[in-house]
Amino acid sequence: MPEDRHIRLGRLRWQCRRALLELDLLFERFWQQYGDTIDLQDEVALGQLLALDDYDLWALVSGTEKSDDPQLIQMIERIRNEFAPLAHA
């Protein structure tokens, strides 16, 4: 993995550490499952999601709010489908 990509993924991983325990657990599992397969498109979508406030992010992941951005929708669905039991706890 090129060093710049390694650094970007490290930053994203660090940004996944959230104040809400549910999000923290969700992203920990996400990285365990998908950490090695994240592509540039995923990086962008994940970065946009992680720029959100915890409660706004949880609203999207839990399904109480919806996004209009197709790229975000795809990432949210990926997270939600993989970890549905935790997201709806």
C-alpha atoms as a PDB file:
ATOM      1  CA  MET A   1       0.000   0.000   0.000  1.00  0.00           C
ATOM      2  CA  PRO A   2       1.528   3.379  -0.965  1.00  0.00           C
ATOM      3  CA  GLU A   3       2.520   5.496   2.022  1.00  0.00           C
ATOM      4  CA  ASP A   4       0.123   8.362   1.246  1.00  0.00           C
ATOM      5  CA  ARG A   5      -2.804   5.935   1.070  1.00  0.00           C
ATOM      6  CA  HIS A   6      -1.667   4.337   4.323  1.00  0.00           C
ATOM      7  CA  ILE A   7      -1.633   7.792   5.958  1.00  0.00           C
ATOM      8  CA  ARG A   8      -5.093   8.679   4.602  1.00  0.00           C
ATOM      9  CA  LEU A   9      -6.567   5.416   5.856  1.00  0.00           C
ATOM     10  CA  GLY A  10      -4.903   5.941   9.222  1.00  0.00           C
ATOM     11  CA  ARG A  11      -6.524   9.366   9.494  1.00  0.00           C
ATOM     12  CA  LEU A  12      -9.924   7.963   8.547  1.00  0.00           C
ATOM     13  CA  ARG A  13      -9.526   5.196  11.073  1.00  0.00           C
ATOM     14  CA  TRP A  14      -8.646   7.733  13.758  1.00  0.00           C
ATOM     15  CA  GLN A  15     -11.685   9.856  12.829  1.00  0.00           C
ATOM     16  CA  CYS A  16     -13.845   6.769  13.354  1.00  0.00           C
ATOM     17  CA  ARG A  17     -13.187   7.026  17.086  1.00  0.00           C
ATOM     18  CA  ARG A  18     -16.448   8.620  18.164  1.00  0.00           C
ATOM     19  CA  ALA A  19     -18.006   9.900  21.380  1.00  0.00           C
ATOM     20  CA  LEU A  20     -21.092   7.743  20.831  1.00  0.00           C
ATOM     21  CA  LEU A  21     -20.254   4.190  21.888  1.00  0.00           C
ATOM     22  CA  GLU A  22     -22.588   2.756  19.235  1.00  0.00           C
ATOM     23  CA  LEU A  23     -20.666   4.510  16.466  1.00  0.00           C
ATOM     24  CA  ASP A  24     -17.316   3.587  17.964  1.00  0.00           C
ATOM     25  CA  LEU A  25     -18.290  -0.088  18.031  1.00  0.00           C
ATOM     26  CA  LEU A  26     -19.834   0.087  14.578  1.00  0.00           C
ATOM     27  CA  PHE A  27     -16.717   1.549  12.991  1.00  0.00           C
ATOM     28  CA  GLU A  28     -14.413  -0.799  14.851  1.00  0.00           C
ATOM     29  CA  ARG A  29     -16.257  -3.700  13.238  1.00  0.00           C
ATOM     30  CA  PHE A  30     -16.331  -1.887   9.898  1.00  0.00           C
ATOM     31  CA  TRP A  31     -12.522  -1.610   9.875  1.00  0.00           C
ATOM     32  CA  GLN A  32     -12.121  -5.238  10.875  1.00  0.00           C
ATOM     33  CA  GLN A  33     -14.348  -6.300   7.988  1.00  0.00           C
ATOM     34  CA  TYR A  34     -13.418  -3.809   5.253  1.00  0.00           C
ATOM     35  CA  GLY A  35     -10.116  -2.202   6.261  1.00  0.00           C
ATOM     36  CA  ASP A  36      -8.110  -3.967   3.565  1.00  0.00           C
ATOM     37  CA  THR A  37     -10.650  -3.437   0.768  1.00  0.00           C
ATOM     38  CA  ILE A  38     -11.426   0.284   1.055  1.00  0.00           C
ATOM     39  CA  ASP A  39     -10.920   2.012  -2.279  1.00  0.00           C
ATOM     40  CA  LEU A  40     -10.617   5.725  -3.108  1.00  0.00           C
ATOM     41  CA  GLN A  41     -14.376   6.112  -3.583  1.00  0.00           C
ATOM     42  CA  ASP A  42     -14.947   4.537  -0.167  1.00  0.00           C
ATOM     43  CA  GLU A  43     -12.358   6.880   1.344  1.00  0.00           C
ATOM     44  CA  VAL A  44     -14.225   9.912   0.014  1.00  0.00           C
ATOM     45  CA  ALA A  45     -17.640   8.704   1.199  1.00  0.00           C
ATOM     46  CA  LEU A  46     -16.303   7.677   4.594  1.00  0.00           C
ATOM     47  CA  GLY A  47     -14.552  11.031   4.969  1.00  0.00           C
ATOM     48  CA  GLN A  48     -17.801  12.867   4.247  1.00  0.00           C
ATOM     49  CA  LEU A  49     -19.681  10.764   6.782  1.00  0.00           C
ATOM     50  CA  LEU A  50     -17.010  11.232   9.434  1.00  0.00           C
ATOM     51  CA  ALA A  51     -17.150  15.018   8.996  1.00  0.00           C
ATOM     52  CA  LEU A  52     -20.684  14.890  10.422  1.00  0.00           C
ATOM     53  CA  ASP A  53     -21.618  15.408  14.045  1.00  0.00           C
ATOM     54  CA  ASP A  54     -22.055  12.108  15.900  1.00  0.00           C
ATOM     55  CA  TYR A  55     -25.805  12.491  16.235  1.00  0.00           C
ATOM     56  CA  ASP A  56     -26.249  13.345  12.550  1.00  0.00           C
ATOM     57  CA  LEU A  57     -24.063  10.397  11.605  1.00  0.00           C
ATOM     58  CA  TRP A  58     -26.016   8.063  13.898  1.00  0.00           C
ATOM     59  CA  ALA A  59     -29.289   9.315  12.399  1.00  0.00           C
ATOM     60  CA  LEU A  60     -28.066   8.321   8.927  1.00  0.00           C
ATOM     61  CA  VAL A  61     -26.674   4.950  10.002  1.00  0.00           C
ATOM     62  CA  SER A  62     -29.729   4.068  12.090  1.00  0.00           C
ATOM     63  CA  GLY A  63     -32.079   5.095   9.281  1.00  0.00           C
ATOM     64  CA  THR A  64     -33.944   7.882  11.047  1.00  0.00           C
ATOM     65  CA  GLU A  65     -32.533  10.362   8.496  1.00  0.00           C
ATOM     66  CA  LYS A  66     -31.732   9.912   4.806  1.00  0.00           C
ATOM     67  CA  SER A  67     -29.028  11.341   2.560  1.00  0.00           C
ATOM     68  CA  ASP A  68     -29.546  12.585  -0.989  1.00  0.00           C
ATOM     69  CA  ASP A  69     -25.942  11.833  -1.997  1.00  0.00           C
ATOM     70  CA  PRO A  70     -25.769   8.500  -3.895  1.00  0.00           C
ATOM     71  CA  GLN A  71     -22.172   7.892  -2.790  1.00  0.00           C
ATOM     72  CA  LEU A  72     -23.080   8.393   0.875  1.00  0.00           C
ATOM     73  CA  ILE A  73     -26.196   6.266   0.512  1.00  0.00           C
ATOM     74  CA  GLN A  74     -24.080   3.408  -0.814  1.00  0.00           C
ATOM     75  CA  MET A  75     -21.618   3.627   2.091  1.00  0.00           C
ATOM     76  CA  ILE A  76     -24.407   3.980   4.678  1.00  0.00           C
ATOM     77  CA  GLU A  77     -26.198   0.941   3.273  1.00  0.00           C
ATOM     78  CA  ARG A  78     -22.962  -1.021   3.310  1.00  0.00           C
ATOM     79  CA  ILE A  79     -22.451  -0.173   6.972  1.00  0.00           C
ATOM     80  CA  ARG A  80     -26.103  -0.698   7.851  1.00  0.00           C
ATOM     81  CA  ASN A  81     -26.505  -4.013   6.030  1.00  0.00           C
ATOM     82  CA  GLU A  82     -23.335  -5.497   7.467  1.00  0.00           C
ATOM     83  CA  PHE A  83     -24.059  -4.411  11.019  1.00  0.00           C
ATOM     84  CA  ALA A  84     -27.855  -4.110  11.148  1.00  0.00           C
ATOM     85  CA  PRO A  85     -28.268  -5.623  14.646  1.00  0.00           C
ATOM     86  CA  LEU A  86     -25.902  -3.068  16.200  1.00  0.00           C
ATOM     87  CA  ALA A  87     -27.261  -0.128  14.189  1.00  0.00           C
ATOM     88  CA  HIS A  88     -30.803  -0.820  15.359  1.00  0.00           C
ATOM     89  CA  ALA A  89     -29.947  -1.475  19.004  1.00  0.00           C
END
